[in-house]
Protein backbone atom coordinates (compact mmCIF):
# COMPACT_ATOMS: atom_id res chain seq x y z
CA MET A 1 16.82 -9.88 28.32
CA LEU A 2 19.60 -8.25 26.35
CA ASN A 3 21.23 -10.31 23.60
CA VAL A 4 24.86 -9.35 23.06
CA GLN A 5 26.53 -10.34 19.80
CA SER A 6 30.22 -10.64 19.09
CA PRO A 7 31.76 -7.40 17.83
CA LEU A 8 34.03 -9.32 15.42
CA SER A 9 34.79 -12.82 14.19
CA GLY A 10 37.25 -15.02 16.04
CA THR A 11 37.56 -17.60 18.81
CA THR A 12 36.01 -17.13 22.24
CA ILE A 13 38.19 -16.86 25.35
CA ALA A 14 37.04 -17.01 28.97
CA LEU A 15 37.32 -13.52 30.46
CA GLU A 16 39.42 -14.84 33.36
CA ASP A 17 42.04 -15.94 30.78
CA VAL A 18 42.51 -12.40 29.41
CA ASP A 19 45.97 -10.97 30.10
CA ASP A 20 44.66 -7.94 32.02
CA PRO A 21 43.97 -8.40 35.74
CA VAL A 22 41.29 -5.68 35.90
CA LEU A 23 39.29 -7.32 33.11
CA ALA A 24 40.09 -10.93 34.07
CA GLN A 25 39.00 -10.48 37.70
CA GLY A 26 35.65 -9.04 36.66
CA ILE A 27 36.31 -5.68 38.30
CA VAL A 28 34.68 -3.87 35.36
CA GLY A 29 31.94 -6.48 34.95
CA ALA A 30 31.22 -9.92 33.53
CA GLY A 31 31.72 -11.01 29.95
CA VAL A 32 33.68 -12.90 27.35
CA ALA A 33 36.68 -12.16 25.14
CA VAL A 34 37.27 -12.94 21.47
CA ALA A 35 40.63 -13.65 19.83
CA PRO A 36 40.16 -12.07 16.39
CA VAL A 37 40.48 -14.07 13.20
CA GLU A 38 43.87 -13.82 11.53
CA GLU A 39 43.13 -10.82 9.36
CA ARG A 40 44.82 -7.48 9.43
CA TRP A 41 41.70 -5.28 9.36
CA HIS A 42 38.59 -5.75 11.48
CA ASN A 43 35.32 -3.86 11.42
CA VAL A 44 34.43 -3.89 15.12
CA VAL A 45 30.65 -3.60 15.42
CA ALA A 46 28.16 -2.58 18.08
CA PRO A 47 27.21 -5.69 20.11
CA VAL A 48 23.78 -4.24 21.02
CA ASP A 49 21.40 -1.48 19.97
CA GLY A 50 21.92 1.68 21.97
CA LYS A 51 23.73 4.95 22.43
CA LEU A 52 27.52 5.29 22.40
CA LEU A 53 28.31 6.47 25.91
CA LYS A 54 32.10 6.55 25.43
CA VAL A 55 34.21 6.17 22.30
CA HIS A 56 37.99 5.87 22.29
CA PRO A 57 40.05 4.33 19.49
CA HIS A 58 40.78 1.21 21.62
CA ALA A 59 37.41 0.90 23.43
CA PHE A 60 33.78 1.94 23.40
CA ILE A 61 30.67 1.55 25.55
CA VAL A 62 27.18 1.08 24.13
CA PHE A 63 24.42 1.88 26.61
CA GLY A 64 21.41 -0.27 25.73
CA ALA A 65 17.74 0.51 26.30
CA SER A 66 17.75 -2.09 29.09
CA GLY A 67 20.04 0.18 31.11
CA VAL A 68 23.13 -2.02 30.73
CA GLY A 69 26.39 -0.65 29.38
CA ILE A 70 28.38 -3.01 27.16
CA LEU A 71 32.12 -2.30 26.99
CA VAL A 72 34.10 -3.45 23.95
CA HIS A 73 37.84 -3.25 24.67
CA LEU A 74 40.16 -3.89 21.70
CA GLY A 75 43.38 -5.57 22.78
CA ILE A 76 45.34 -5.20 26.00
CA ASP A 77 47.35 -2.03 26.71
CA THR A 78 46.32 -0.72 23.29
CA ILE A 79 45.66 2.67 24.87
CA ASN A 80 49.44 3.07 24.58
CA LEU A 81 49.12 3.04 20.76
CA LYS A 82 47.52 6.51 21.04
CA GLY A 83 45.05 5.71 18.27
CA GLU A 84 47.56 4.21 15.82
CA GLY A 85 45.91 1.38 13.89
CA PHE A 86 42.39 2.49 14.80
CA GLU A 87 39.86 4.39 12.70
CA VAL A 88 36.91 5.59 14.78
CA LEU A 89 33.74 5.49 12.67
CA LYS A 90 31.17 6.77 15.21
CA SER A 91 31.08 9.46 17.89
CA GLU A 92 30.02 9.64 21.52
CA GLY A 93 26.27 10.20 21.66
CA ASP A 94 25.58 8.43 18.35
CA THR A 95 22.75 5.90 18.29
CA VAL A 96 23.84 2.52 16.88
CA LYS A 97 22.11 -0.68 15.87
CA GLN A 98 23.55 -4.10 16.67
CA GLY A 99 26.05 -4.84 13.90
CA ASP A 100 26.85 -1.21 12.99
CA PRO A 101 30.63 -0.70 12.55
CA VAL A 102 32.04 1.52 15.32
CA VAL A 103 35.83 1.13 14.87
CA ARG A 104 37.97 -0.15 12.01
CA TRP A 105 41.04 -1.80 13.54
CA ASP A 106 44.40 -2.80 12.06
CA SER A 107 45.31 -5.41 14.68
CA SER A 108 48.76 -5.91 13.10
CA VAL A 109 49.90 -2.65 14.76
CA ALA A 110 49.21 -4.14 18.21
CA LYS A 111 50.80 -7.48 17.23
CA GLU A 112 53.96 -5.76 15.97
CA ARG A 113 54.30 -4.13 19.40
CA GLY A 114 53.81 -7.47 21.19
CA LEU A 115 50.36 -6.55 22.54
CA SER A 116 47.46 -8.95 22.93
CA THR A 117 44.70 -8.50 20.36
CA SER A 118 41.97 -10.18 22.42
CA VAL A 119 38.73 -8.18 22.42
CA SER A 120 36.83 -8.15 25.71
CA VAL A 121 33.05 -7.71 25.68
CA ILE A 122 31.81 -6.82 29.15
CA ALA A 123 28.43 -6.13 30.72
CA CYS A 124 29.54 -3.29 33.00
CA ASP A 125 29.03 -3.65 36.74
CA LEU A 126 27.28 -7.03 36.47
CA PRO A 127 28.32 -10.35 38.06
CA MET A 128 28.90 -13.45 35.93
CA ASN A 129 25.66 -15.05 37.17
CA ALA A 130 23.75 -12.24 35.41
CA LEU A 131 24.84 -13.67 32.04
CA VAL A 132 23.89 -16.71 29.99
CA LEU A 133 26.88 -17.60 27.81
CA HIS A 134 26.19 -18.82 24.27
CA SER A 135 29.71 -19.89 23.37
CA SER A 136 32.31 -21.96 25.18
CA PRO A 137 36.00 -20.96 25.24
CA GLY A 138 37.73 -22.12 22.06
CA ASN A 139 34.58 -21.93 19.90
CA LYS A 140 34.70 -20.10 16.58
CA ILE A 141 32.30 -17.18 16.43
CA SER A 142 31.32 -14.61 13.82
CA SER A 143 30.27 -11.01 14.28
CA THR A 144 26.63 -12.02 13.79
CA ASP A 145 26.67 -14.69 16.54
CA GLN A 146 25.35 -14.13 20.06
CA LEU A 147 28.08 -14.11 22.74
CA PHE A 148 25.83 -13.91 25.78
CA THR A 149 22.47 -12.78 27.09
CA VAL A 150 22.09 -10.45 30.06
CA LYS A 151 19.27 -11.79 32.23
CA THR A 152 16.74 -9.29 33.46
CA PRO A 153 16.24 -9.17 37.23
CA GLY A 154 13.28 -11.03 38.69
């Protein structure tokens, strides 16, 4: 089992309600989204222990020891900000512990441009039935709370 914690504090959103069809339809994998608390700056943390497989200002993937990649995608269409409002704190290949800050994010930059600030947390290439959700949509959650557990096969 792989316990996945929220990368920041906020309110949970069902992934299918995220305003990005690729994420909402589960094409990347199954998961949950978080609407961040109303603060300007967010320390976005690693949801699991592992190695940073990919790191971009708006998204990163932590590859856990269980062999599951967890994608954290900050906002919708935030790639278009070209790094503005993001401070990357870790590099690809770095080993992280659950709760280690990976990106510092000024979500007001995305808001000012009319972009969604929802943060999607996705177990890459897994179906929804591979997850046990620990929070219902609309629940408040902190960055130390478990979002979901990835069930191990068998």
